[in-house]
Amino acid sequence: MSYRFHVHRTKPTYRLVTAEGAPFPGEANEADWRFTRVRERGDTNPDVARLVDETGYCLFRIGLSFDEIV
């Protein structure tokens, strides 16, 4: 299985991962996302792959600070 990685066009710290061949999540506007690469399952974080398998996508943010989770 392969996974497609996207970066939000105006909020580039946000990343979206979907399964190759799956429809884009209905909650998202595909035009807001820039495709960056395809990764095979073995090259994808297991937590990311599990979320995509369970929910159809994985949405996350790069660059969180500890202040945001305390």
PDB file of N, CA and C in Angstrom:
ATOM      1  N   MET A   1       0.844  -1.177   0.000  1.00  0.00           N
ATOM      2  CA  MET A   1       0.000   0.000   0.000  1.00  0.00           C
ATOM      3  C   MET A   1       0.892   1.244   0.000  1.00  0.00           C
ATOM      4  N   SER A   2       0.420   2.282  -0.691  1.00  0.00           N
ATOM      5  CA  SER A   2       1.133   3.557  -0.766  1.00  0.00           C
ATOM      6  C   SER A   2       0.299   4.666  -0.151  1.00  0.00           C
ATOM      7  N   TYR A   3       0.987   5.695   0.307  1.00  0.00           N
ATOM      8  CA  TYR A   3       0.340   6.837   0.952  1.00  0.00           C
ATOM      9  C   TYR A   3       0.766   8.124   0.265  1.00  0.00           C
ATOM     10  N   ARG A   4      -0.191   9.027   0.075  1.00  0.00           N
ATOM     11  CA  ARG A   4       0.055  10.319  -0.567  1.00  0.00           C
ATOM     12  C   ARG A   4       0.176  11.396   0.508  1.00  0.00           C
ATOM     13  N   PHE A   5       1.230  12.181   0.447  1.00  0.00           N
ATOM     14  CA  PHE A   5       1.496  13.238   1.421  1.00  0.00           C
ATOM     15  C   PHE A   5       1.222  14.598   0.776  1.00  0.00           C
ATOM     16  N   HIS A   6       0.552  15.459   1.529  1.00  0.00           N
ATOM     17  CA  HIS A   6       0.181  16.796   1.064  1.00  0.00           C
ATOM     18  C   HIS A   6       0.564  17.836   2.113  1.00  0.00           C
ATOM     19  N   VAL A   7       0.820  19.050   1.658  1.00  0.00           N
ATOM     20  CA  VAL A   7       1.103  20.199   2.517  1.00  0.00           C
ATOM     21  C   VAL A   7       0.040  21.249   2.241  1.00  0.00           C
ATOM     22  N   HIS A   8      -0.498  21.858   3.302  1.00  0.00           N
ATOM     23  CA  HIS A   8      -1.504  22.907   3.124  1.00  0.00           C
ATOM     24  C   HIS A   8      -0.850  24.115   2.457  1.00  0.00           C
ATOM     25  N   ARG A   9      -1.526  24.687   1.483  1.00  0.00           N
ATOM     26  CA  ARG A   9      -0.938  25.778   0.700  1.00  0.00           C
ATOM     27  C   ARG A   9      -0.744  27.065   1.500  1.00  0.00           C
ATOM     28  N   THR A  10      -1.664  27.418   2.397  1.00  0.00           N
ATOM     29  CA  THR A  10      -1.532  28.677   3.142  1.00  0.00           C
ATOM     30  C   THR A  10      -1.101  28.469   4.595  1.00  0.00           C
ATOM     31  N   LYS A  11      -1.154  27.238   5.057  1.00  0.00           N
ATOM     32  CA  LYS A  11      -0.715  26.892   6.419  1.00  0.00           C
ATOM     33  C   LYS A  11       0.238  25.706   6.316  1.00  0.00           C
ATOM     34  N   PRO A  12       1.460  25.949   5.835  1.00  0.00           N
ATOM     35  CA  PRO A  12       2.364  24.845   5.484  1.00  0.00           C
ATOM     36  C   PRO A  12       2.850  23.974   6.631  1.00  0.00           C
ATOM     37  N   THR A  13       2.527  24.308   7.859  1.00  0.00           N
ATOM     38  CA  THR A  13       2.881  23.398   8.945  1.00  0.00           C
ATOM     39  C   THR A  13       1.897  22.224   9.024  1.00  0.00           C
ATOM     40  N   TYR A  14       0.752  22.334   8.347  1.00  0.00           N
ATOM     41  CA  TYR A  14      -0.244  21.259   8.351  1.00  0.00           C
ATOM     42  C   TYR A  14       0.032  20.278   7.227  1.00  0.00           C
ATOM     43  N   ARG A  15      -0.035  18.985   7.558  1.00  0.00           N
ATOM     44  CA  ARG A  15       0.207  17.912   6.604  1.00  0.00           C
ATOM     45  C   ARG A  15      -0.993  16.973   6.596  1.00  0.00           C
ATOM     46  N   LEU A  16      -1.276  16.432   5.431  1.00  0.00           N
ATOM     47  CA  LEU A  16      -2.378  15.502   5.249  1.00  0.00           C
ATOM     48  C   LEU A  16      -1.845  14.289   4.508  1.00  0.00           C
ATOM     49  N   VAL A  17      -2.196  13.112   4.995  1.00  0.00           N
ATOM     50  CA  VAL A  17      -1.796  11.869   4.354  1.00  0.00           C
ATOM     51  C   VAL A  17      -3.054  11.085   4.021  1.00  0.00           C
ATOM     52  N   THR A  18      -3.118  10.583   2.790  1.00  0.00           N
ATOM     53  CA  THR A  18      -4.234   9.761   2.341  1.00  0.00           C
ATOM     54  C   THR A  18      -3.676   8.499   1.685  1.00  0.00           C
ATOM     55  N   ALA A  19      -4.521   7.507   1.529  1.00  0.00           N
ATOM     56  CA  ALA A  19      -4.105   6.288   0.841  1.00  0.00           C
ATOM     57  C   ALA A  19      -4.117   6.534  -0.662  1.00  0.00           C
ATOM     58  N   GLU A  20      -3.145   5.978  -1.353  1.00  0.00           N
ATOM     59  CA  GLU A  20      -3.085   6.059  -2.808  1.00  0.00           C
ATOM     60  C   GLU A  20      -4.371   5.462  -3.386  1.00  0.00           C
ATOM     61  N   GLY A  21      -5.028   6.221  -4.263  1.00  0.00           N
ATOM     62  CA  GLY A  21      -6.241   5.744  -4.913  1.00  0.00           C
ATOM     63  C   GLY A  21      -7.528   6.014  -4.160  1.00  0.00           C
ATOM     64  N   ALA A  22      -7.430   6.462  -2.915  1.00  0.00           N
ATOM     65  CA  ALA A  22      -8.623   6.762  -2.115  1.00  0.00           C
ATOM     66  C   ALA A  22      -9.127   8.159  -2.452  1.00  0.00           C
ATOM     67  N   PRO A  23     -10.425   8.405  -2.270  1.00  0.00           N
ATOM     68  CA  PRO A  23     -10.928   9.763  -2.495  1.00  0.00           C
ATOM     69  C   PRO A  23     -10.366  10.732  -1.464  1.00  0.00           C
ATOM     70  N   PHE A  24     -10.279  12.000  -1.854  1.00  0.00           N
ATOM     71  CA  PHE A  24      -9.817  13.036  -0.934  1.00  0.00           C
ATOM     72  C   PHE A  24     -10.855  13.183   0.169  1.00  0.00           C
ATOM     73  N   PRO A  25     -10.429  13.436   1.421  1.00  0.00           N
ATOM     74  CA  PRO A  25     -11.404  13.566   2.516  1.00  0.00           C
ATOM     75  C   PRO A  25     -12.465  14.634   2.210  1.00  0.00           C
ATOM     76  N   GLY A  26     -13.702  14.297   2.472  1.00  0.00           N
ATOM     77  CA  GLY A  26     -14.810  15.213   2.206  1.00  0.00           C
ATOM     78  C   GLY A  26     -14.757  16.495   3.008  1.00  0.00           C
ATOM     79  N   GLU A  27     -14.090  16.462   4.166  1.00  0.00           N
ATOM     80  CA  GLU A  27     -13.986  17.646   5.021  1.00  0.00           C
ATOM     81  C   GLU A  27     -12.972  18.650   4.510  1.00  0.00           C
ATOM     82  N   ALA A  28     -12.160  18.261   3.547  1.00  0.00           N
ATOM     83  CA  ALA A  28     -11.068  19.113   3.050  1.00  0.00           C
ATOM     84  C   ALA A  28     -11.340  19.562   1.619  1.00  0.00           C
ATOM     85  N   ASN A  29     -10.820  20.729   1.279  1.00  0.00           N
ATOM     86  CA  ASN A  29     -10.872  21.230  -0.092  1.00  0.00           C
ATOM     87  C   ASN A  29      -9.547  20.852  -0.751  1.00  0.00           C
ATOM     88  N   GLU A  30      -9.589  19.983  -1.728  1.00  0.00           N
ATOM     89  CA  GLU A  30      -8.367  19.478  -2.347  1.00  0.00           C
ATOM     90  C   GLU A  30      -7.498  20.597  -2.918  1.00  0.00           C
ATOM     91  N   ALA A  31      -8.118  21.685  -3.380  1.00  0.00           N
ATOM     92  CA  ALA A  31      -7.360  22.812  -3.942  1.00  0.00           C
ATOM     93  C   ALA A  31      -6.500  23.510  -2.893  1.00  0.00           C
ATOM     94  N   ASP A  32      -6.807  23.314  -1.610  1.00  0.00           N
ATOM     95  CA  ASP A  32      -6.030  23.931  -0.533  1.00  0.00           C
ATOM     96  C   ASP A  32      -4.752  23.161  -0.205  1.00  0.00           C
ATOM     97  N   TRP A  33      -4.564  22.009  -0.825  1.00  0.00           N
ATOM     98  CA  TRP A  33      -3.451  21.125  -0.493  1.00  0.00           C
ATOM     99  C   TRP A  33      -2.554  20.893  -1.700  1.00  0.00           C
ATOM    100  N   ARG A  34      -1.250  20.894  -1.457  1.00  0.00           N
ATOM    101  CA  ARG A  34      -0.252  20.629  -2.511  1.00  0.00           C
ATOM    102  C   ARG A  34       0.333  19.244  -2.276  1.00  0.00           C
ATOM    103  N   PHE A  35       0.201  18.381  -3.278  1.00  0.00           N
ATOM    104  CA  PHE A  35       0.777  17.044  -3.206  1.00  0.00           C
ATOM    105  C   PHE A  35       2.296  17.153  -3.166  1.00  0.00           C
ATOM    106  N   THR A  36       2.945  16.377  -2.295  1.00  0.00           N
ATOM    107  CA  THR A  36       4.406  16.429  -2.207  1.00  0.00           C
ATOM    108  C   THR A  36       5.077  15.118  -2.592  1.00  0.00           C
ATOM    109  N   ARG A  37       4.512  13.981  -2.180  1.00  0.00           N
ATOM    110  CA  ARG A  37       5.174  12.712  -2.501  1.00  0.00           C
ATOM    111  C   ARG A  37       4.293  11.516  -2.165  1.00  0.00           C
ATOM    112  N   VAL A  38       4.715  10.369  -2.681  1.00  0.00           N
ATOM    113  CA  VAL A  38       4.113   9.083  -2.336  1.00  0.00           C
ATOM    114  C   VAL A  38       5.157   8.288  -1.564  1.00  0.00           C
ATOM    115  N   ARG A  39       4.712   7.648  -0.499  1.00  0.00           N
ATOM    116  CA  ARG A  39       5.598   6.766   0.279  1.00  0.00           C
ATOM    117  C   ARG A  39       4.937   5.400   0.399  1.00  0.00           C
ATOM    118  N   GLU A  40       5.754   4.388   0.381  1.00  0.00           N
ATOM    119  CA  GLU A  40       5.262   3.030   0.608  1.00  0.00           C
ATOM    120  C   GLU A  40       5.012   2.833   2.103  1.00  0.00           C
ATOM    121  N   ARG A  41       4.219   1.836   2.437  1.00  0.00           N
ATOM    122  CA  ARG A  41       3.876   1.587   3.843  1.00  0.00           C
ATOM    123  C   ARG A  41       5.130   1.438   4.712  1.00  0.00           C
ATOM    124  N   GLY A  42       6.141   0.737   4.233  1.00  0.00           N
ATOM    125  CA  GLY A  42       7.357   0.534   5.006  1.00  0.00           C
ATOM    126  C   GLY A  42       8.142   1.802   5.257  1.00  0.00           C
ATOM    127  N   ASP A  43       7.846   2.857   4.500  1.00  0.00           N
ATOM    128  CA  ASP A  43       8.532   4.140   4.643  1.00  0.00           C
ATOM    129  C   ASP A  43       7.609   5.195   5.260  1.00  0.00           C
ATOM    130  N   THR A  44       6.514   4.737   5.861  1.00  0.00           N
ATOM    131  CA  THR A  44       5.533   5.631   6.482  1.00  0.00           C
ATOM    132  C   THR A  44       5.438   5.292   7.960  1.00  0.00           C
ATOM    133  N   ASN A  45       5.403   6.302   8.804  1.00  0.00           N
ATOM    134  CA  ASN A  45       5.288   6.087  10.244  1.00  0.00           C
ATOM    135  C   ASN A  45       4.098   5.157  10.514  1.00  0.00           C
ATOM    136  N   PRO A  46       4.276   4.119  11.332  1.00  0.00           N
ATOM    137  CA  PRO A  46       3.185   3.181  11.606  1.00  0.00           C
ATOM    138  C   PRO A  46       1.927   3.841  12.170  1.00  0.00           C
ATOM    139  N   ASP A  47       2.072   4.876  12.991  1.00  0.00           N
ATOM    140  CA  ASP A  47       0.899   5.571  13.530  1.00  0.00           C
ATOM    141  C   ASP A  47       0.136   6.297  12.421  1.00  0.00           C
ATOM    142  N   VAL A  48       0.862   6.886  11.484  1.00  0.00           N
ATOM    143  CA  VAL A  48       0.233   7.566  10.346  1.00  0.00           C
ATOM    144  C   VAL A  48      -0.512   6.546   9.494  1.00  0.00           C
ATOM    145  N   ALA A  49       0.135   5.438   9.160  1.00  0.00           N
ATOM    146  CA  ALA A  49      -0.499   4.405   8.341  1.00  0.00           C
ATOM    147  C   ALA A  49      -1.756   3.864   9.021  1.00  0.00           C
ATOM    148  N   ARG A  50      -1.689   3.633  10.323  1.00  0.00           N
ATOM    149  CA  ARG A  50      -2.848   3.109  11.056  1.00  0.00           C
ATOM    150  C   ARG A  50      -4.021   4.079  10.986  1.00  0.00           C
ATOM    151  N   LEU A  51      -3.754   5.379  11.194  1.00  0.00           N
ATOM    152  CA  LEU A  51      -4.835   6.363  11.124  1.00  0.00           C
ATOM    153  C   LEU A  51      -5.450   6.440   9.732  1.00  0.00           C
ATOM    154  N   VAL A  52      -4.616   6.397   8.707  1.00  0.00           N
ATOM    155  CA  VAL A  52      -5.152   6.414   7.335  1.00  0.00           C
ATOM    156  C   VAL A  52      -6.008   5.175   7.110  1.00  0.00           C
ATOM    157  N   ASP A  53      -5.535   4.029   7.548  1.00  0.00           N
ATOM    158  CA  ASP A  53      -6.300   2.791   7.392  1.00  0.00           C
ATOM    159  C   ASP A  53      -7.638   2.851   8.123  1.00  0.00           C
ATOM    160  N   GLU A  54      -7.657   3.462   9.304  1.00  0.00           N
ATOM    161  CA  GLU A  54      -8.866   3.499  10.134  1.00  0.00           C
ATOM    162  C   GLU A  54      -9.830   4.598   9.745  1.00  0.00           C
ATOM    163  N   THR A  55      -9.307   5.788   9.391  1.00  0.00           N
ATOM    164  CA  THR A  55     -10.196   6.936   9.181  1.00  0.00           C
ATOM    165  C   THR A  55     -10.192   7.469   7.754  1.00  0.00           C
ATOM    166  N   GLY A  56      -9.244   7.016   6.933  1.00  0.00           N
ATOM    167  CA  GLY A  56      -9.154   7.492   5.560  1.00  0.00           C
ATOM    168  C   GLY A  56      -8.139   8.598   5.359  1.00  0.00           C
ATOM    169  N   TYR A  57      -7.614   9.141   6.460  1.00  0.00           N
ATOM    170  CA  TYR A  57      -6.591  10.191   6.360  1.00  0.00           C
ATOM    171  C   TYR A  57      -5.886  10.347   7.700  1.00  0.00           C
ATOM    172  N   CYS A  58      -4.766  11.049   7.660  1.00  0.00           N
ATOM    173  CA  CYS A  58      -4.056  11.457   8.869  1.00  0.00           C
ATOM    174  C   CYS A  58      -3.713  12.929   8.690  1.00  0.00           C
ATOM    175  N   LEU A  59      -4.135  13.734   9.613  1.00  0.00           N
ATOM    176  CA  LEU A  59      -3.882  15.174   9.593  1.00  0.00           C
ATOM    177  C   LEU A  59      -3.006  15.507  10.787  1.00  0.00           C
ATOM    178  N   PHE A  60      -1.906  16.202  10.540  1.00  0.00           N
ATOM    179  CA  PHE A  60      -1.024  16.565  11.646  1.00  0.00           C
ATOM    180  C   PHE A  60      -0.319  17.878  11.350  1.00  0.00           C
ATOM    181  N   ARG A  61       0.371  18.377  12.363  1.00  0.00           N
ATOM    182  CA  ARG A  61       1.055  19.654  12.231  1.00  0.00           C
ATOM    183  C   ARG A  61       2.509  19.517  12.637  1.00  0.00           C
ATOM    184  N   ILE A  62       3.390  20.113  11.867  1.00  0.00           N
ATOM    185  CA  ILE A  62       4.815  20.150  12.134  1.00  0.00           C
ATOM    186  C   ILE A  62       5.097  21.375  13.015  1.00  0.00           C
ATOM    187  N   GLY A  63       5.995  21.248  13.959  1.00  0.00           N
ATOM    188  CA  GLY A  63       6.457  22.410  14.703  1.00  0.00           C
ATOM    189  C   GLY A  63       5.637  22.790  15.914  1.00  0.00           C
ATOM    190  N   LEU A  64       4.968  21.836  16.539  1.00  0.00           N
ATOM    191  CA  LEU A  64       4.257  22.144  17.778  1.00  0.00           C
ATOM    192  C   LEU A  64       5.252  22.525  18.860  1.00  0.00           C
ATOM    193  N   SER A  65       4.809  23.322  19.802  1.00  0.00           N
ATOM    194  CA  SER A  65       5.651  23.641  20.959  1.00  0.00           C
ATOM    195  C   SER A  65       5.043  22.981  22.203  1.00  0.00           C
ATOM    196  N   PHE A  66       5.865  22.812  23.218  1.00  0.00           N
ATOM    197  CA  PHE A  66       5.371  22.219  24.447  1.00  0.00           C
ATOM    198  C   PHE A  66       4.285  23.071  25.096  1.00  0.00           C
ATOM    199  N   ASP A  67       4.318  24.389  24.877  1.00  0.00           N
ATOM    200  CA  ASP A  67       3.281  25.274  25.417  1.00  0.00           C
ATOM    201  C   ASP A  67       1.886  24.894  24.920  1.00  0.00           C
ATOM    202  N   GLU A  68       1.824  24.305  23.733  1.00  0.00           N
ATOM    203  CA  GLU A  68       0.536  23.961  23.148  1.00  0.00           C
ATOM    204  C   GLU A  68      -0.066  22.683  23.715  1.00  0.00           C
ATOM    205  N   ILE A  69       0.708  21.877  24.414  1.00  0.00           N
ATOM    206  CA  ILE A  69       0.172  20.625  24.942  1.00  0.00           C
ATOM    207  C   ILE A  69       0.134  20.594  26.456  1.00  0.00           C
ATOM    208  N   VAL A  70       0.554  21.646  27.099  1.00  0.00           N
ATOM    209  CA  VAL A  70       0.549  21.699  28.564  1.00  0.00           C
ATOM    210  C   VAL A  70      -0.774  22.228  29.053  1.00  0.00           C
TER     211      VAL A  70
END
